[in-house]
C-alpha atoms as a PDB file:
ATOM      1  CA  MET A   1     -72.877 216.044 210.137  1.00  0.00           C
ATOM      2  CA  ASN A   2     -74.913 213.087 209.049  1.00  0.00           C
ATOM      3  CA  GLU A   3     -73.991 209.699 207.671  1.00  0.00           C
ATOM      4  CA  ALA A   4     -73.951 210.867 204.050  1.00  0.00           C
ATOM      5  CA  ASP A   5     -71.394 213.587 204.829  1.00  0.00           C
ATOM      6  CA  ALA A   6     -69.182 211.130 206.675  1.00  0.00           C
ATOM      7  CA  LEU A   7     -69.380 208.668 203.784  1.00  0.00           C
ATOM      8  CA  ASP A   8     -68.528 211.406 201.269  1.00  0.00           C
ATOM      9  CA  ILE A   9     -65.451 212.392 203.262  1.00  0.00           C
ATOM     10  CA  MET A  10     -64.386 208.764 203.681  1.00  0.00           C
ATOM     11  CA  GLN A  11     -64.838 208.143 199.953  1.00  0.00           C
ATOM     12  CA  ALA A  12     -62.727 211.206 199.160  1.00  0.00           C
ATOM     13  CA  ALA A  13     -60.073 210.084 201.670  1.00  0.00           C
ATOM     14  CA  ILE A  14     -59.828 206.581 200.212  1.00  0.00           C
ATOM     15  CA  TRP A  15     -59.685 207.964 196.664  1.00  0.00           C
ATOM     16  CA  THR A  16     -56.936 210.405 197.711  1.00  0.00           C
ATOM     17  CA  ILE A  17     -54.914 207.574 199.245  1.00  0.00           C
ATOM     18  CA  LEU A  18     -55.268 205.440 196.109  1.00  0.00           C
ATOM     19  CA  VAL A  19     -54.346 208.261 193.735  1.00  0.00           C
ATOM     20  CA  ALA A  20     -51.469 209.577 195.859  1.00  0.00           C
ATOM     21  CA  SER A  21     -49.907 206.145 196.350  1.00  0.00           C
ATOM     22  CA  GLY A  22     -50.354 205.157 192.710  1.00  0.00           C
ATOM     23  CA  PRO A  23     -46.979 206.326 191.342  1.00  0.00           C
ATOM     24  CA  ALA A  24     -44.973 204.525 194.031  1.00  0.00           C
ATOM     25  CA  VAL A  25     -47.007 201.324 193.772  1.00  0.00           C
ATOM     26  CA  MET A  26     -46.840 201.256 189.980  1.00  0.00           C
ATOM     27  CA  THR A  27     -43.095 201.845 190.049  1.00  0.00           C
ATOM     28  CA  ALA A  28     -42.579 199.034 192.551  1.00  0.00           C
ATOM     29  CA  MET A  29     -44.701 196.719 190.459  1.00  0.00           C
ATOM     30  CA  VAL A  30     -42.899 197.476 187.198  1.00  0.00           C
ATOM     31  CA  VAL A  31     -39.436 197.168 188.760  1.00  0.00           C
ATOM     32  CA  GLY A  32     -40.451 193.991 190.570  1.00  0.00           C
ATOM     33  CA  VAL A  33     -41.682 192.340 187.384  1.00  0.00           C
ATOM     34  CA  ALA A  34     -38.568 193.427 185.484  1.00  0.00           C
ATOM     35  CA  ILE A  35     -36.282 191.998 188.169  1.00  0.00           C
ATOM     36  CA  ALA A  36     -38.330 188.792 188.336  1.00  0.00           C
ATOM     37  CA  ILE A  37     -37.966 188.339 184.589  1.00  0.00           C
ATOM     38  CA  LEU A  38     -34.235 189.032 184.839  1.00  0.00           C
ATOM     39  CA  GLN A  39     -33.899 186.507 187.665  1.00  0.00           C
ATOM     40  CA  ALA A  40     -35.859 183.919 185.709  1.00  0.00           C
ATOM     41  CA  LEU A  41     -33.704 184.418 182.625  1.00  0.00           C
ATOM     42  CA  THR A  42     -30.394 184.254 184.476  1.00  0.00           C
ATOM     43  CA  GLN A  43     -31.516 181.734 187.109  1.00  0.00           C
ATOM     44  CA  VAL A  44     -30.048 183.902 189.858  1.00  0.00           C
ATOM     45  CA  GLN A  45     -32.432 183.523 192.788  1.00  0.00           C
ATOM     46  CA  GLU A  46     -30.953 186.039 195.211  1.00  0.00           C
ATOM     47  CA  MET A  47     -33.606 187.482 197.533  1.00  0.00           C
ATOM     48  CA  THR A  48     -31.700 190.675 198.309  1.00  0.00           C
ATOM     49  CA  LEU A  49     -31.352 191.527 194.613  1.00  0.00           C
ATOM     50  CA  THR A  50     -34.919 192.835 194.492  1.00  0.00           C
ATOM     51  CA  PHE A  51     -34.770 195.199 197.462  1.00  0.00           C
ATOM     52  CA  VAL A  52     -32.191 197.791 196.430  1.00  0.00           C
ATOM     53  CA  PRO A  53     -33.547 198.539 192.932  1.00  0.00           C
ATOM     54  CA  LYS A  54     -37.097 198.710 194.259  1.00  0.00           C
ATOM     55  CA  ILE A  55     -36.194 201.067 197.091  1.00  0.00           C
ATOM     56  CA  VAL A  56     -34.167 203.329 194.803  1.00  0.00           C
ATOM     57  CA  SER A  57     -36.864 203.406 192.128  1.00  0.00           C
ATOM     58  CA  ILE A  58     -39.614 204.102 194.667  1.00  0.00           C
ATOM     59  CA  MET A  59     -37.625 206.988 196.149  1.00  0.00           C
ATOM     60  CA  ILE A  60     -37.056 208.423 192.671  1.00  0.00           C
ATOM     61  CA  ALA A  61     -40.748 208.021 191.809  1.00  0.00           C
ATOM     62  CA  ILE A  62     -41.804 209.744 195.028  1.00  0.00           C
ATOM     63  CA  GLY A  63     -39.347 212.564 194.366  1.00  0.00           C
ATOM     64  CA  VAL A  64     -40.598 213.050 190.819  1.00  0.00           C
ATOM     65  CA  SER A  65     -44.299 212.798 191.702  1.00  0.00           C
ATOM     66  CA  ALA A  66     -44.107 214.780 194.950  1.00  0.00           C
ATOM     67  CA  PRO A  67     -45.884 217.842 193.474  1.00  0.00           C
ATOM     68  CA  PHE A  68     -48.711 215.626 192.243  1.00  0.00           C
ATOM     69  CA  ILE A  69     -49.018 213.877 195.614  1.00  0.00           C
ATOM     70  CA  GLY A  70     -48.960 217.203 197.434  1.00  0.00           C
ATOM     71  CA  ALA A  71     -51.637 218.590 195.124  1.00  0.00           C
ATOM     72  CA  GLN A  72     -53.886 215.603 195.811  1.00  0.00           C
ATOM     73  CA  ILE A  73     -53.474 215.969 199.581  1.00  0.00           C
ATOM     74  CA  ASN A  74     -54.043 219.734 199.297  1.00  0.00           C
ATOM     75  CA  LEU A  75     -57.220 219.139 197.295  1.00  0.00           C
ATOM     76  CA  PHE A  76     -58.540 216.742 199.921  1.00  0.00           C
ATOM     77  CA  SER A  77     -57.611 219.108 202.754  1.00  0.00           C
ATOM     78  CA  ASN A  78     -59.396 221.989 201.035  1.00  0.00           C
ATOM     79  CA  LEU A  79     -62.460 219.785 200.598  1.00  0.00           C
ATOM     80  CA  VAL A  80     -62.537 218.842 204.266  1.00  0.00           C
ATOM     81  CA  PHE A  81     -61.866 222.382 205.494  1.00  0.00           C
ATOM     82  CA  SER A  82     -64.518 223.856 203.231  1.00  0.00           C
ATOM     83  CA  ARG A  83     -67.054 221.314 204.488  1.00  0.00           C
ATOM     84  CA  VAL A  84     -66.130 222.155 208.093  1.00  0.00           C
ATOM     85  CA  GLN A  85     -66.341 225.881 207.401  1.00  0.00           C
ATOM     86  CA  SER A  86     -69.773 225.592 205.780  1.00  0.00           C
ATOM     87  CA  GLY A  87     -71.026 223.439 208.642  1.00  0.00           C
ATOM     88  CA  PHE A  88     -71.417 220.342 206.447  1.00  0.00           C
END
């Protein structure tokens, strides 16, 4: 294994992390902006108001996108195992 192989695997790992975490991060961002707009319109500045909807929406997003996340992790695992099997 040389430096190029290690960099390829690290690039694939970082890309897998970004793609797999995308649905949860996007959901948190959308819900956070929506709640911030709602708080600005109603002038209710309660800090705990943002936590429950975000947590619930993130759990729902993870549940819905679990097959996609699992497929991304499986793809990365197959890549790494095939590189190990072929001796890099």
